[in-house]
Amino acid sequence: MVRKIDSATRIPVPGGKVIEEYVGRVNSGDAQISIAHMKAPAGWDEPAQTPQFAEYTLVLAGTVVVEHAEGSTEVHAGQAFVSEPGEKVRYSCGPEGAEYVAVCLPAFSPETVNREE
């Protein structure tokens, strides 16, 4: 059955980043996958996390910086990156901010992202 999703649910997060979930636990009730559009302001960052899900991210504008065990990787508009379940990562963005789409398998949840305090 085809399901049309007319709008996203905005998920509040600190630091000025905007998350609009189209598919996932919050907006559509899907636990197997989440698809979210994100906009992060210049200089945004978040604590390190060790998610229990794979995350596939396509950068639409700006730069997302991914810190990981091997160092730091800058991912620019038109590029993508993948983080595997159990991989410790920390996301931030460059001075121009960033806009990107993230797909998580299984779907993102606050209980499975394992953010450090």
PDB file of N, CA and C in Angstrom:
ATOM      1  N   MET A   1       0.834  -1.179   0.000  1.00  0.00           N
ATOM      2  CA  MET A   1       0.000   0.000   0.000  1.00  0.00           C
ATOM      3  C   MET A   1       0.885   1.251   0.000  1.00  0.00           C
ATOM      4  N   VAL A   2       0.577   2.175  -0.855  1.00  0.00           N
ATOM      5  CA  VAL A   2       1.290   3.443  -0.920  1.00  0.00           C
ATOM      6  C   VAL A   2       0.755   4.363   0.167  1.00  0.00           C
ATOM      7  N   ARG A   3       1.665   4.981   0.902  1.00  0.00           N
ATOM      8  CA  ARG A   3       1.278   5.968   1.917  1.00  0.00           C
ATOM      9  C   ARG A   3       1.926   7.289   1.558  1.00  0.00           C
ATOM     10  N   LYS A   4       1.119   8.305   1.393  1.00  0.00           N
ATOM     11  CA  LYS A   4       1.644   9.646   1.153  1.00  0.00           C
ATOM     12  C   LYS A   4       1.826  10.335   2.494  1.00  0.00           C
ATOM     13  N   ILE A   5       2.966  10.962   2.667  1.00  0.00           N
ATOM     14  CA  ILE A   5       3.244  11.696   3.901  1.00  0.00           C
ATOM     15  C   ILE A   5       3.249  13.174   3.538  1.00  0.00           C
ATOM     16  N   ASP A   6       2.248  13.886   4.020  1.00  0.00           N
ATOM     17  CA  ASP A   6       2.035  15.274   3.620  1.00  0.00           C
ATOM     18  C   ASP A   6       2.943  16.282   4.310  1.00  0.00           C
ATOM     19  N   SER A   7       3.410  15.940   5.500  1.00  0.00           N
ATOM     20  CA  SER A   7       4.214  16.912   6.225  1.00  0.00           C
ATOM     21  C   SER A   7       5.135  16.203   7.209  1.00  0.00           C
ATOM     22  N   ALA A   8       6.074  16.963   7.727  1.00  0.00           N
ATOM     23  CA  ALA A   8       7.035  16.436   8.686  1.00  0.00           C
ATOM     24  C   ALA A   8       6.649  16.875  10.089  1.00  0.00           C
ATOM     25  N   THR A   9       7.232  16.183  11.067  1.00  0.00           N
ATOM     26  CA  THR A   9       7.125  16.606  12.456  1.00  0.00           C
ATOM     27  C   THR A   9       8.451  17.227  12.850  1.00  0.00           C
ATOM     28  N   ARG A  10       8.404  18.443  13.392  1.00  0.00           N
ATOM     29  CA  ARG A  10       9.619  19.101  13.844  1.00  0.00           C
ATOM     30  C   ARG A  10       9.985  18.548  15.217  1.00  0.00           C
ATOM     31  N   ILE A  11      11.223  18.095  15.337  1.00  0.00           N
ATOM     32  CA  ILE A  11      11.710  17.521  16.587  1.00  0.00           C
ATOM     33  C   ILE A  11      12.643  18.543  17.229  1.00  0.00           C
ATOM     34  N   PRO A  12      12.309  19.014  18.422  1.00  0.00           N
ATOM     35  CA  PRO A  12      13.144  20.045  19.052  1.00  0.00           C
ATOM     36  C   PRO A  12      14.479  19.476  19.537  1.00  0.00           C
ATOM     37  N   VAL A  13      15.548  20.221  19.254  1.00  0.00           N
ATOM     38  CA  VAL A  13      16.883  19.864  19.738  1.00  0.00           C
ATOM     39  C   VAL A  13      17.593  21.144  20.147  1.00  0.00           C
ATOM     40  N   PRO A  14      18.519  21.064  21.085  1.00  0.00           N
ATOM     41  CA  PRO A  14      19.252  22.270  21.493  1.00  0.00           C
ATOM     42  C   PRO A  14      20.244  22.723  20.429  1.00  0.00           C
ATOM     43  N   GLY A  15      20.689  23.946  20.542  1.00  0.00           N
ATOM     44  CA  GLY A  15      21.750  24.449  19.678  1.00  0.00           C
ATOM     45  C   GLY A  15      21.292  25.063  18.377  1.00  0.00           C
ATOM     46  N   GLY A  16      19.984  25.176  18.164  1.00  0.00           N
ATOM     47  CA  GLY A  16      19.485  25.828  16.964  1.00  0.00           C
ATOM     48  C   GLY A  16      19.316  24.936  15.751  1.00  0.00           C
ATOM     49  N   LYS A  17      19.674  23.668  15.844  1.00  0.00           N
ATOM     50  CA  LYS A  17      19.472  22.743  14.727  1.00  0.00           C
ATOM     51  C   LYS A  17      17.988  22.423  14.604  1.00  0.00           C
ATOM     52  N   VAL A  18      17.501  22.309  13.368  1.00  0.00           N
ATOM     53  CA  VAL A  18      16.113  21.963  13.104  1.00  0.00           C
ATOM     54  C   VAL A  18      16.075  20.579  12.471  1.00  0.00           C
ATOM     55  N   ILE A  19      15.280  19.684  13.065  1.00  0.00           N
ATOM     56  CA  ILE A  19      15.074  18.342  12.515  1.00  0.00           C
ATOM     57  C   ILE A  19      13.607  18.225  12.123  1.00  0.00           C
ATOM     58  N   GLU A  20      13.363  17.890  10.864  1.00  0.00           N
ATOM     59  CA  GLU A  20      12.010  17.629  10.391  1.00  0.00           C
ATOM     60  C   GLU A  20      11.957  16.181   9.937  1.00  0.00           C
ATOM     61  N   GLU A  21      11.298  15.344  10.731  1.00  0.00           N
ATOM     62  CA  GLU A  21      11.197  13.920  10.400  1.00  0.00           C
ATOM     63  C   GLU A  21       9.989  13.692   9.501  1.00  0.00           C
ATOM     64  N   TYR A  22      10.249  13.077   8.352  1.00  0.00           N
ATOM     65  CA  TYR A  22       9.187  12.716   7.420  1.00  0.00           C
ATOM     66  C   TYR A  22       8.732  11.281   7.643  1.00  0.00           C
ATOM     67  N   VAL A  23       9.709  10.391   7.767  1.00  0.00           N
ATOM     68  CA  VAL A  23       9.424   8.976   7.999  1.00  0.00           C
ATOM     69  C   VAL A  23      10.176   8.564   9.246  1.00  0.00           C
ATOM     70  N   GLY A  24       9.509   7.866  10.149  1.00  0.00           N
ATOM     71  CA  GLY A  24      10.170   7.414  11.368  1.00  0.00           C
ATOM     72  C   GLY A  24       9.183   7.202  12.491  1.00  0.00           C
ATOM     73  N   ARG A  25       9.728   6.925  13.649  1.00  0.00           N
ATOM     74  CA  ARG A  25       8.910   6.605  14.825  1.00  0.00           C
ATOM     75  C   ARG A  25       7.948   7.730  15.200  1.00  0.00           C
ATOM     76  N   VAL A  26       8.409   8.988  15.088  1.00  0.00           N
ATOM     77  CA  VAL A  26       7.592  10.120  15.530  1.00  0.00           C
ATOM     78  C   VAL A  26       6.513  10.479  14.517  1.00  0.00           C
ATOM     79  N   ASN A  27       6.897  10.683  13.252  1.00  0.00           N
ATOM     80  CA  ASN A  27       5.954  11.226  12.275  1.00  0.00           C
ATOM     81  C   ASN A  27       5.057  10.187  11.610  1.00  0.00           C
ATOM     82  N   SER A  28       5.605   9.043  11.268  1.00  0.00           N
ATOM     83  CA  SER A  28       4.812   8.063  10.511  1.00  0.00           C
ATOM     84  C   SER A  28       4.627   6.733  11.224  1.00  0.00           C
ATOM     85  N   GLY A  29       5.261   6.567  12.386  1.00  0.00           N
ATOM     86  CA  GLY A  29       5.127   5.316  13.127  1.00  0.00           C
ATOM     87  C   GLY A  29       5.976   4.184  12.597  1.00  0.00           C
ATOM     88  N   ASP A  30       6.923   4.491  11.715  1.00  0.00           N
ATOM     89  CA  ASP A  30       7.797   3.456  11.156  1.00  0.00           C
ATOM     90  C   ASP A  30       9.013   3.248  12.046  1.00  0.00           C
ATOM     91  N   ALA A  31       9.216   2.023  12.508  1.00  0.00           N
ATOM     92  CA  ALA A  31      10.363   1.713  13.366  1.00  0.00           C
ATOM     93  C   ALA A  31      11.549   1.177  12.569  1.00  0.00           C
ATOM     94  N   GLN A  32      11.323   0.748  11.326  1.00  0.00           N
ATOM     95  CA  GLN A  32      12.398   0.125  10.559  1.00  0.00           C
ATOM     96  C   GLN A  32      13.310   1.130   9.858  1.00  0.00           C
ATOM     97  N   ILE A  33      12.837   2.375   9.660  1.00  0.00           N
ATOM     98  CA  ILE A  33      13.640   3.382   8.966  1.00  0.00           C
ATOM     99  C   ILE A  33      13.172   4.770   9.393  1.00  0.00           C
ATOM    100  N   SER A  34      14.107   5.716   9.383  1.00  0.00           N
ATOM    101  CA  SER A  34      13.712   7.115   9.553  1.00  0.00           C
ATOM    102  C   SER A  34      14.402   7.944   8.485  1.00  0.00           C
ATOM    103  N   ILE A  35      13.686   8.971   8.013  1.00  0.00           N
ATOM    104  CA  ILE A  35      14.205   9.899   7.019  1.00  0.00           C
ATOM    105  C   ILE A  35      13.890  11.298   7.528  1.00  0.00           C
ATOM    106  N   ALA A  36      14.944  12.095   7.718  1.00  0.00           N
ATOM    107  CA  ALA A  36      14.761  13.427   8.275  1.00  0.00           C
ATOM    108  C   ALA A  36      15.568  14.453   7.495  1.00  0.00           C
ATOM    109  N   HIS A  37      15.005  15.652   7.387  1.00  0.00           N
ATOM    110  CA  HIS A  37      15.668  16.799   6.773  1.00  0.00           C
ATOM    111  C   HIS A  37      16.170  17.672   7.907  1.00  0.00           C
ATOM    112  N   MET A  38      17.436  18.035   7.867  1.00  0.00           N
ATOM    113  CA  MET A  38      18.034  18.780   8.969  1.00  0.00           C
ATOM    114  C   MET A  38      18.700  20.050   8.465  1.00  0.00           C
ATOM    115  N   LYS A  39      18.608  21.092   9.301  1.00  0.00           N
ATOM    116  CA  LYS A  39      19.301  22.357   9.044  1.00  0.00           C
ATOM    117  C   LYS A  39      20.023  22.745  10.324  1.00  0.00           C
ATOM    118  N   ALA A  40      21.327  22.948  10.205  1.00  0.00           N
ATOM    119  CA  ALA A  40      22.155  23.305  11.359  1.00  0.00           C
ATOM    120  C   ALA A  40      22.774  24.679  11.119  1.00  0.00           C
ATOM    121  N   PRO A  41      22.722  25.556  12.122  1.00  0.00           N
ATOM    122  CA  PRO A  41      23.296  26.896  11.956  1.00  0.00           C
ATOM    123  C   PRO A  41      24.825  26.863  11.998  1.00  0.00           C
ATOM    124  N   ALA A  42      25.426  27.922  11.563  1.00  0.00           N
ATOM    125  CA  ALA A  42      26.890  28.053  11.585  1.00  0.00           C
ATOM    126  C   ALA A  42      27.429  27.747  12.974  1.00  0.00           C
ATOM    127  N   GLY A  43      28.491  26.933  13.023  1.00  0.00           N
ATOM    128  CA  GLY A  43      29.147  26.619  14.285  1.00  0.00           C
ATOM    129  C   GLY A  43      28.444  25.590  15.151  1.00  0.00           C
ATOM    130  N   TRP A  44      27.342  25.007  14.681  1.00  0.00           N
ATOM    131  CA  TRP A  44      26.596  24.025  15.464  1.00  0.00           C
ATOM    132  C   TRP A  44      27.444  22.772  15.716  1.00  0.00           C
ATOM    133  N   ASP A  45      27.260  22.168  16.883  1.00  0.00           N
ATOM    134  CA  ASP A  45      27.841  20.855  17.165  1.00  0.00           C
ATOM    135  C   ASP A  45      26.957  20.149  18.181  1.00  0.00           C
ATOM    136  N   GLU A  46      27.217  18.869  18.380  1.00  0.00           N
ATOM    137  CA  GLU A  46      26.467  18.089  19.361  1.00  0.00           C
ATOM    138  C   GLU A  46      27.411  17.117  20.045  1.00  0.00           C
ATOM    139  N   PRO A  47      26.973  16.554  21.185  1.00  0.00           N
ATOM    140  CA  PRO A  47      27.835  15.596  21.886  1.00  0.00           C
ATOM    141  C   PRO A  47      28.095  14.346  21.042  1.00  0.00           C
ATOM    142  N   ALA A  48      29.157  13.641  21.384  1.00  0.00           N
ATOM    143  CA  ALA A  48      29.448  12.366  20.722  1.00  0.00           C
ATOM    144  C   ALA A  48      28.319  11.380  20.995  1.00  0.00           C
ATOM    145  N   GLN A  49      28.166  10.436  20.081  1.00  0.00           N
ATOM    146  CA  GLN A  49      27.132   9.408  20.224  1.00  0.00           C
ATOM    147  C   GLN A  49      27.645   8.091  19.662  1.00  0.00           C
ATOM    148  N   THR A  50      27.058   7.008  20.135  1.00  0.00           N
ATOM    149  CA  THR A  50      27.372   5.672  19.627  1.00  0.00           C
ATOM    150  C   THR A  50      26.044   4.991  19.304  1.00  0.00           C
ATOM    151  N   PRO A  51      25.446   5.327  18.153  1.00  0.00           N
ATOM    152  CA  PRO A  51      24.115   4.837  17.819  1.00  0.00           C
ATOM    153  C   PRO A  51      24.062   3.327  17.582  1.00  0.00           C
ATOM    154  N   GLN A  52      22.887   2.785  17.817  1.00  0.00           N
ATOM    155  CA  GLN A  52      22.625   1.367  17.551  1.00  0.00           C
ATOM    156  C   GLN A  52      22.035   1.182  16.151  1.00  0.00           C
ATOM    157  N   PHE A  53      22.127   2.216  15.317  1.00  0.00           N
ATOM    158  CA  PHE A  53      21.580   2.161  13.957  1.00  0.00           C
ATOM    159  C   PHE A  53      22.623   2.675  12.974  1.00  0.00           C
ATOM    160  N   ALA A  54      22.491   2.266  11.722  1.00  0.00           N
ATOM    161  CA  ALA A  54      23.323   2.821  10.653  1.00  0.00           C
ATOM    162  C   ALA A  54      22.708   4.154  10.238  1.00  0.00           C
ATOM    163  N   GLU A  55      23.561   5.122   9.902  1.00  0.00           N
ATOM    164  CA  GLU A  55      23.061   6.416   9.445  1.00  0.00           C
ATOM    165  C   GLU A  55      23.701   6.755   8.105  1.00  0.00           C
ATOM    166  N   TYR A  56      22.851   7.044   7.126  1.00  0.00           N
ATOM    167  CA  TYR A  56      23.256   7.407   5.775  1.00  0.00           C
ATOM    168  C   TYR A  56      22.880   8.875   5.592  1.00  0.00           C
ATOM    169  N   THR A  57      23.856   9.724   5.315  1.00  0.00           N
ATOM    170  CA  THR A  57      23.604  11.158   5.296  1.00  0.00           C
ATOM    171  C   THR A  57      24.062  11.771   3.977  1.00  0.00           C
ATOM    172  N   LEU A  58      23.166  12.540   3.354  1.00  0.00           N
ATOM    173  CA  LEU A  58      23.446  13.271   2.128  1.00  0.00           C
ATOM    174  C   LEU A  58      23.469  14.757   2.463  1.00  0.00           C
ATOM    175  N   VAL A  59      24.596  15.404   2.223  1.00  0.00           N
ATOM    176  CA  VAL A  59      24.733  16.822   2.522  1.00  0.00           C
ATOM    177  C   VAL A  59      24.235  17.623   1.310  1.00  0.00           C
ATOM    178  N   LEU A  60      23.245  18.482   1.556  1.00  0.00           N
ATOM    179  CA  LEU A  60      22.646  19.288   0.495  1.00  0.00           C
ATOM    180  C   LEU A  60      23.310  20.653   0.360  1.00  0.00           C
ATOM    181  N   ALA A  61      23.725  21.226   1.488  1.00  0.00           N
ATOM    182  CA  ALA A  61      24.370  22.543   1.483  1.00  0.00           C
ATOM    183  C   ALA A  61      25.314  22.638   2.672  1.00  0.00           C
ATOM    184  N   GLY A  62      26.380  23.412   2.523  1.00  0.00           N
ATOM    185  CA  GLY A  62      27.320  23.584   3.618  1.00  0.00           C
ATOM    186  C   GLY A  62      28.221  22.377   3.809  1.00  0.00           C
ATOM    187  N   THR A  63      28.701  22.215   5.047  1.00  0.00           N
ATOM    188  CA  THR A  63      29.642  21.143   5.380  1.00  0.00           C
ATOM    189  C   THR A  63      29.271  20.523   6.713  1.00  0.00           C
ATOM    190  N   VAL A  64      29.197  19.190   6.757  1.00  0.00           N
ATOM    191  CA  VAL A  64      29.047  18.453   8.005  1.00  0.00           C
ATOM    192  C   VAL A  64      30.418  17.877   8.339  1.00  0.00           C
ATOM    193  N   VAL A  65      30.851  18.065   9.568  1.00  0.00           N
ATOM    194  CA  VAL A  65      32.128  17.519  10.029  1.00  0.00           C
ATOM    195  C   VAL A  65      31.809  16.319  10.915  1.00  0.00           C
ATOM    196  N   VAL A  66      32.410  15.176  10.578  1.00  0.00           N
ATOM    197  CA  VAL A  66      32.179  13.944  11.325  1.00  0.00           C
ATOM    198  C   VAL A  66      33.473  13.552  12.019  1.00  0.00           C
ATOM    199  N   GLU A  67      33.471  13.583  13.346  1.00  0.00           N
ATOM    200  CA  GLU A  67      34.607  13.099  14.124  1.00  0.00           C
ATOM    201  C   GLU A  67      34.365  11.621  14.411  1.00  0.00           C
ATOM    202  N   HIS A  68      35.404  10.797  14.242  1.00  0.00           N
ATOM    203  CA  HIS A  68      35.287   9.350  14.412  1.00  0.00           C
ATOM    204  C   HIS A  68      36.637   8.803  14.869  1.00  0.00           C
ATOM    205  N   ALA A  69      36.713   7.501  15.073  1.00  0.00           N
ATOM    206  CA  ALA A  69      37.919   6.879  15.624  1.00  0.00           C
ATOM    207  C   ALA A  69      39.167   7.141  14.780  1.00  0.00           C
ATOM    208  N   GLU A  70      39.010   7.300  13.473  1.00  0.00           N
ATOM    209  CA  GLU A  70      40.153   7.507  12.585  1.00  0.00           C
ATOM    210  C   GLU A  70      40.516   8.977  12.403  1.00  0.00           C
ATOM    211  N   GLY A  71      39.737   9.892  12.998  1.00  0.00           N
ATOM    212  CA  GLY A  71      40.031  11.313  12.846  1.00  0.00           C
ATOM    213  C   GLY A  71      38.774  12.121  12.609  1.00  0.00           C
ATOM    214  N   SER A  72      38.857  13.038  11.663  1.00  0.00           N
ATOM    215  CA  SER A  72      37.754  13.942  11.352  1.00  0.00           C
ATOM    216  C   SER A  72      37.596  14.006   9.837  1.00  0.00           C
ATOM    217  N   THR A  73      36.349  13.955   9.362  1.00  0.00           N
ATOM    218  CA  THR A  73      36.068  13.980   7.933  1.00  0.00           C
ATOM    219  C   THR A  73      35.096  15.107   7.631  1.00  0.00           C
ATOM    220  N   GLU A  74      35.454  15.969   6.683  1.00  0.00           N
ATOM    221  CA  GLU A  74      34.548  17.015   6.220  1.00  0.00           C
ATOM    222  C   GLU A  74      33.762  16.480   5.033  1.00  0.00           C
ATOM    223  N   VAL A  75      32.444  16.614   5.121  1.00  0.00           N
ATOM    224  CA  VAL A  75      31.563  16.148   4.046  1.00  0.00           C
ATOM    225  C   VAL A  75      30.831  17.378   3.514  1.00  0.00           C
ATOM    226  N   HIS A  76      31.061  17.688   2.243  1.00  0.00           N
ATOM    227  CA  HIS A  76      30.553  18.910   1.633  1.00  0.00           C
ATOM    228  C   HIS A  76      29.273  18.642   0.839  1.00  0.00           C
ATOM    229  N   ALA A  77      28.598  19.733   0.463  1.00  0.00           N
ATOM    230  CA  ALA A  77      27.389  19.625  -0.357  1.00  0.00           C
ATOM    231  C   ALA A  77      27.657  18.751  -1.580  1.00  0.00           C
ATOM    232  N   GLY A  78      26.732  17.836  -1.858  1.00  0.00           N
ATOM    233  CA  GLY A  78      26.895  16.912  -2.978  1.00  0.00           C
ATOM    234  C   GLY A  78      27.625  15.638  -2.610  1.00  0.00           C
ATOM    235  N   GLN A  79      28.036  15.505  -1.349  1.00  0.00           N
ATOM    236  CA  GLN A  79      28.703  14.297  -0.872  1.00  0.00           C
ATOM    237  C   GLN A  79      27.825  13.631   0.200  1.00  0.00           C
ATOM    238  N   ALA A  80      28.161  12.396   0.507  1.00  0.00           N
ATOM    239  CA  ALA A  80      27.415  11.645   1.520  1.00  0.00           C
ATOM    240  C   ALA A  80      28.391  10.902   2.410  1.00  0.00           C
ATOM    241  N   PHE A  81      27.902  10.446   3.557  1.00  0.00           N
ATOM    242  CA  PHE A  81      28.698   9.595   4.431  1.00  0.00           C
ATOM    243  C   PHE A  81      27.798   8.577   5.108  1.00  0.00           C
ATOM    244  N   VAL A  82      28.429   7.506   5.585  1.00  0.00           N
ATOM    245  CA  VAL A  82      27.734   6.423   6.266  1.00  0.00           C
ATOM    246  C   VAL A  82      28.437   6.168   7.583  1.00  0.00           C
ATOM    247  N   SER A  83      27.666   6.061   8.659  1.00  0.00           N
ATOM    248  CA  SER A  83      28.225   5.597   9.935  1.00  0.00           C
ATOM    249  C   SER A  83      27.510   4.299  10.301  1.00  0.00           C
ATOM    250  N   GLU A  84      28.272   3.363  10.805  1.00  0.00           N
ATOM    251  CA  GLU A  84      27.751   2.030  11.114  1.00  0.00           C
ATOM    252  C   GLU A  84      27.256   1.952  12.558  1.00  0.00           C
ATOM    253  N   PRO A  85      26.356   1.025  12.853  1.00  0.00           N
ATOM    254  CA  PRO A  85      25.903   0.851  14.243  1.00  0.00           C
ATOM    255  C   PRO A  85      27.094   0.561  15.156  1.00  0.00           C
ATOM    256  N   GLY A  86      27.110   1.179  16.328  1.00  0.00           N
ATOM    257  CA  GLY A  86      28.172   0.954  17.292  1.00  0.00           C
ATOM    258  C   GLY A  86      29.406   1.808  17.072  1.00  0.00           C
ATOM    259  N   GLU A  87      29.427   2.620  16.009  1.00  0.00           N
ATOM    260  CA  GLU A  87      30.567   3.488  15.716  1.00  0.00           C
ATOM    261  C   GLU A  87      30.370   4.820  16.446  1.00  0.00           C
ATOM    262  N   LYS A  88      31.355   5.214  17.241  1.00  0.00           N
ATOM    263  CA  LYS A  88      31.275   6.486  17.960  1.00  0.00           C
ATOM    264  C   LYS A  88      31.559   7.628  16.992  1.00  0.00           C
ATOM    265  N   VAL A  89      30.611   8.577  16.917  1.00  0.00           N
ATOM    266  CA  VAL A  89      30.743   9.729  16.034  1.00  0.00           C
ATOM    267  C   VAL A  89      30.319  11.001  16.773  1.00  0.00           C
ATOM    268  N   ARG A  90      30.809  12.105  16.277  1.00  0.00           N
ATOM    269  CA  ARG A  90      30.379  13.412  16.782  1.00  0.00           C
ATOM    270  C   ARG A  90      30.220  14.315  15.571  1.00  0.00           C
ATOM    271  N   TYR A  91      29.052  14.958  15.466  1.00  0.00           N
ATOM    272  CA  TYR A  91      28.742  15.802  14.315  1.00  0.00           C
ATOM    273  C   TYR A  91      28.837  17.280  14.669  1.00  0.00           C
ATOM    274  N   SER A  92      29.321  18.067  13.714  1.00  0.00           N
ATOM    275  CA  SER A  92      29.308  19.517  13.808  1.00  0.00           C
ATOM    276  C   SER A  92      29.221  20.041  12.379  1.00  0.00           C
ATOM    277  N   CYS A  93      29.230  21.362  12.231  1.00  0.00           N
ATOM    278  CA  CYS A  93      29.198  21.900  10.874  1.00  0.00           C
ATOM    279  C   CYS A  93      30.143  23.083  10.756  1.00  0.00           C
ATOM    280  N   GLY A  94      30.400  23.452   9.527  1.00  0.00           N
ATOM    281  CA  GLY A  94      31.323  24.530   9.242  1.00  0.00           C
ATOM    282  C   GLY A  94      30.717  25.902   9.484  1.00  0.00           C
ATOM    283  N   PRO A  95      31.463  26.943   9.142  1.00  0.00           N
ATOM    284  CA  PRO A  95      31.040  28.310   9.426  1.00  0.00           C
ATOM    285  C   PRO A  95      29.810  28.754   8.632  1.00  0.00           C
ATOM    286  N   GLU A  96      29.470  28.034   7.564  1.00  0.00           N
ATOM    287  CA  GLU A  96      28.295  28.386   6.774  1.00  0.00           C
ATOM    288  C   GLU A  96      27.052  27.583   7.182  1.00  0.00           C
ATOM    289  N   GLY A  97      27.192  26.717   8.198  1.00  0.00           N
ATOM    290  CA  GLY A  97      26.085  25.851   8.590  1.00  0.00           C
ATOM    291  C   GLY A  97      25.977  24.678   7.638  1.00  0.00           C
ATOM    292  N   ALA A  98      24.889  23.926   7.759  1.00  0.00           N
ATOM    293  CA  ALA A  98      24.707  22.765   6.892  1.00  0.00           C
ATOM    294  C   ALA A  98      23.233  22.409   6.773  1.00  0.00           C
ATOM    295  N   GLU A  99      22.899  21.852   5.625  1.00  0.00           N
ATOM    296  CA  GLU A  99      21.567  21.297   5.385  1.00  0.00           C
ATOM    297  C   GLU A  99      21.787  19.899   4.848  1.00  0.00           C
ATOM    298  N   TYR A 100      21.083  18.916   5.422  1.00  0.00           N
ATOM    299  CA  TYR A 100      21.318  17.539   5.014  1.00  0.00           C
ATOM    300  C   TYR A 100      20.102  16.660   5.287  1.00  0.00           C
ATOM    301  N   VAL A 101      20.110  15.490   4.657  1.00  0.00           N
ATOM    302  CA  VAL A 101      19.072  14.486   4.849  1.00  0.00           C
ATOM    303  C   VAL A 101      19.735  13.262   5.453  1.00  0.00           C
ATOM    304  N   ALA A 102      19.155  12.774   6.553  1.00  0.00           N
ATOM    305  CA  ALA A 102      19.683  11.582   7.221  1.00  0.00           C
ATOM    306  C   ALA A 102      18.659  10.456   7.154  1.00  0.00           C
ATOM    307  N   VAL A 103      19.154   9.270   6.818  1.00  0.00           N
ATOM    308  CA  VAL A 103      18.340   8.058   6.790  1.00  0.00           C
ATOM    309  C   VAL A 103      18.945   7.104   7.808  1.00  0.00           C
ATOM    310  N   CYS A 104      18.143   6.632   8.760  1.00  0.00           N
ATOM    311  CA  CYS A 104      18.630   5.730   9.799  1.00  0.00           C
ATOM    312  C   CYS A 104      17.925   4.384   9.705  1.00  0.00           C
ATOM    313  N   LEU A 105      18.731   3.312   9.814  1.00  0.00           N
ATOM    314  CA  LEU A 105      18.224   1.927   9.783  1.00  0.00           C
ATOM    315  C   LEU A 105      18.739   1.183  10.995  1.00  0.00           C
ATOM    316  N   PRO A 106      17.901   0.692  11.899  1.00  0.00           N
ATOM    317  CA  PRO A 106      16.480   1.000  12.007  1.00  0.00           C
ATOM    318  C   PRO A 106      16.281   2.463  12.375  1.00  0.00           C
ATOM    319  N   ALA A 107      15.038   2.867  12.530  1.00  0.00           N
ATOM    320  CA  ALA A 107      14.714   4.270  12.758  1.00  0.00           C
ATOM    321  C   ALA A 107      15.398   4.838  13.996  1.00  0.00           C
ATOM    322  N   PHE A 108      15.756   6.119  13.899  1.00  0.00           N
ATOM    323  CA  PHE A 108      16.305   6.861  15.026  1.00  0.00           C
ATOM    324  C   PHE A 108      15.341   6.811  16.210  1.00  0.00           C
ATOM    325  N   SER A 109      15.911   6.737  17.407  1.00  0.00           N
ATOM    326  CA  SER A 109      15.134   6.950  18.629  1.00  0.00           C
ATOM    327  C   SER A 109      16.091   7.508  19.681  1.00  0.00           C
ATOM    328  N   PRO A 110      15.581   8.314  20.604  1.00  0.00           N
ATOM    329  CA  PRO A 110      16.444   8.835  21.659  1.00  0.00           C
ATOM    330  C   PRO A 110      17.092   7.732  22.496  1.00  0.00           C
ATOM    331  N   GLU A 111      16.414   6.595  22.599  1.00  0.00           N
ATOM    332  CA  GLU A 111      16.927   5.482  23.410  1.00  0.00           C
ATOM    333  C   GLU A 111      18.075   4.743  22.716  1.00  0.00           C
ATOM    334  N   THR A 112      18.160   4.810  21.386  1.00  0.00           N
ATOM    335  CA  THR A 112      19.183   4.041  20.669  1.00  0.00           C
ATOM    336  C   THR A 112      20.312   4.896  20.096  1.00  0.00           C
ATOM    337  N   VAL A 113      20.264   6.218  20.308  1.00  0.00           N
ATOM    338  CA  VAL A 113      21.329   7.085  19.781  1.00  0.00           C
ATOM    339  C   VAL A 113      22.546   7.093  20.711  1.00  0.00           C
ATOM    340  N   ASN A 114      22.314   6.856  21.994  1.00  0.00           N
ATOM    341  CA  ASN A 114      23.403   6.770  22.983  1.00  0.00           C
ATOM    342  C   ASN A 114      24.313   7.999  22.960  1.00  0.00           C
ATOM    343  N   ARG A 115      23.712   9.174  23.158  1.00  0.00           N
ATOM    344  CA  ARG A 115      24.486  10.421  23.227  1.00  0.00           C
ATOM    345  C   ARG A 115      25.207  10.510  24.568  1.00  0.00           C
ATOM    346  N   GLU A 116      26.432  11.028  24.511  1.00  0.00           N
ATOM    347  CA  GLU A 116      27.188  11.262  25.732  1.00  0.00           C
ATOM    348  C   GLU A 116      26.717  12.563  26.360  1.00  0.00           C
ATOM    349  N   GLU A 117      26.771  12.623  27.660  1.00  0.00           N
ATOM    350  CA  GLU A 117      26.342  13.827  28.371  1.00  0.00           C
ATOM    351  C   GLU A 117      27.490  14.791  28.517  1.00  0.00           C
TER     352      GLU A 117
END
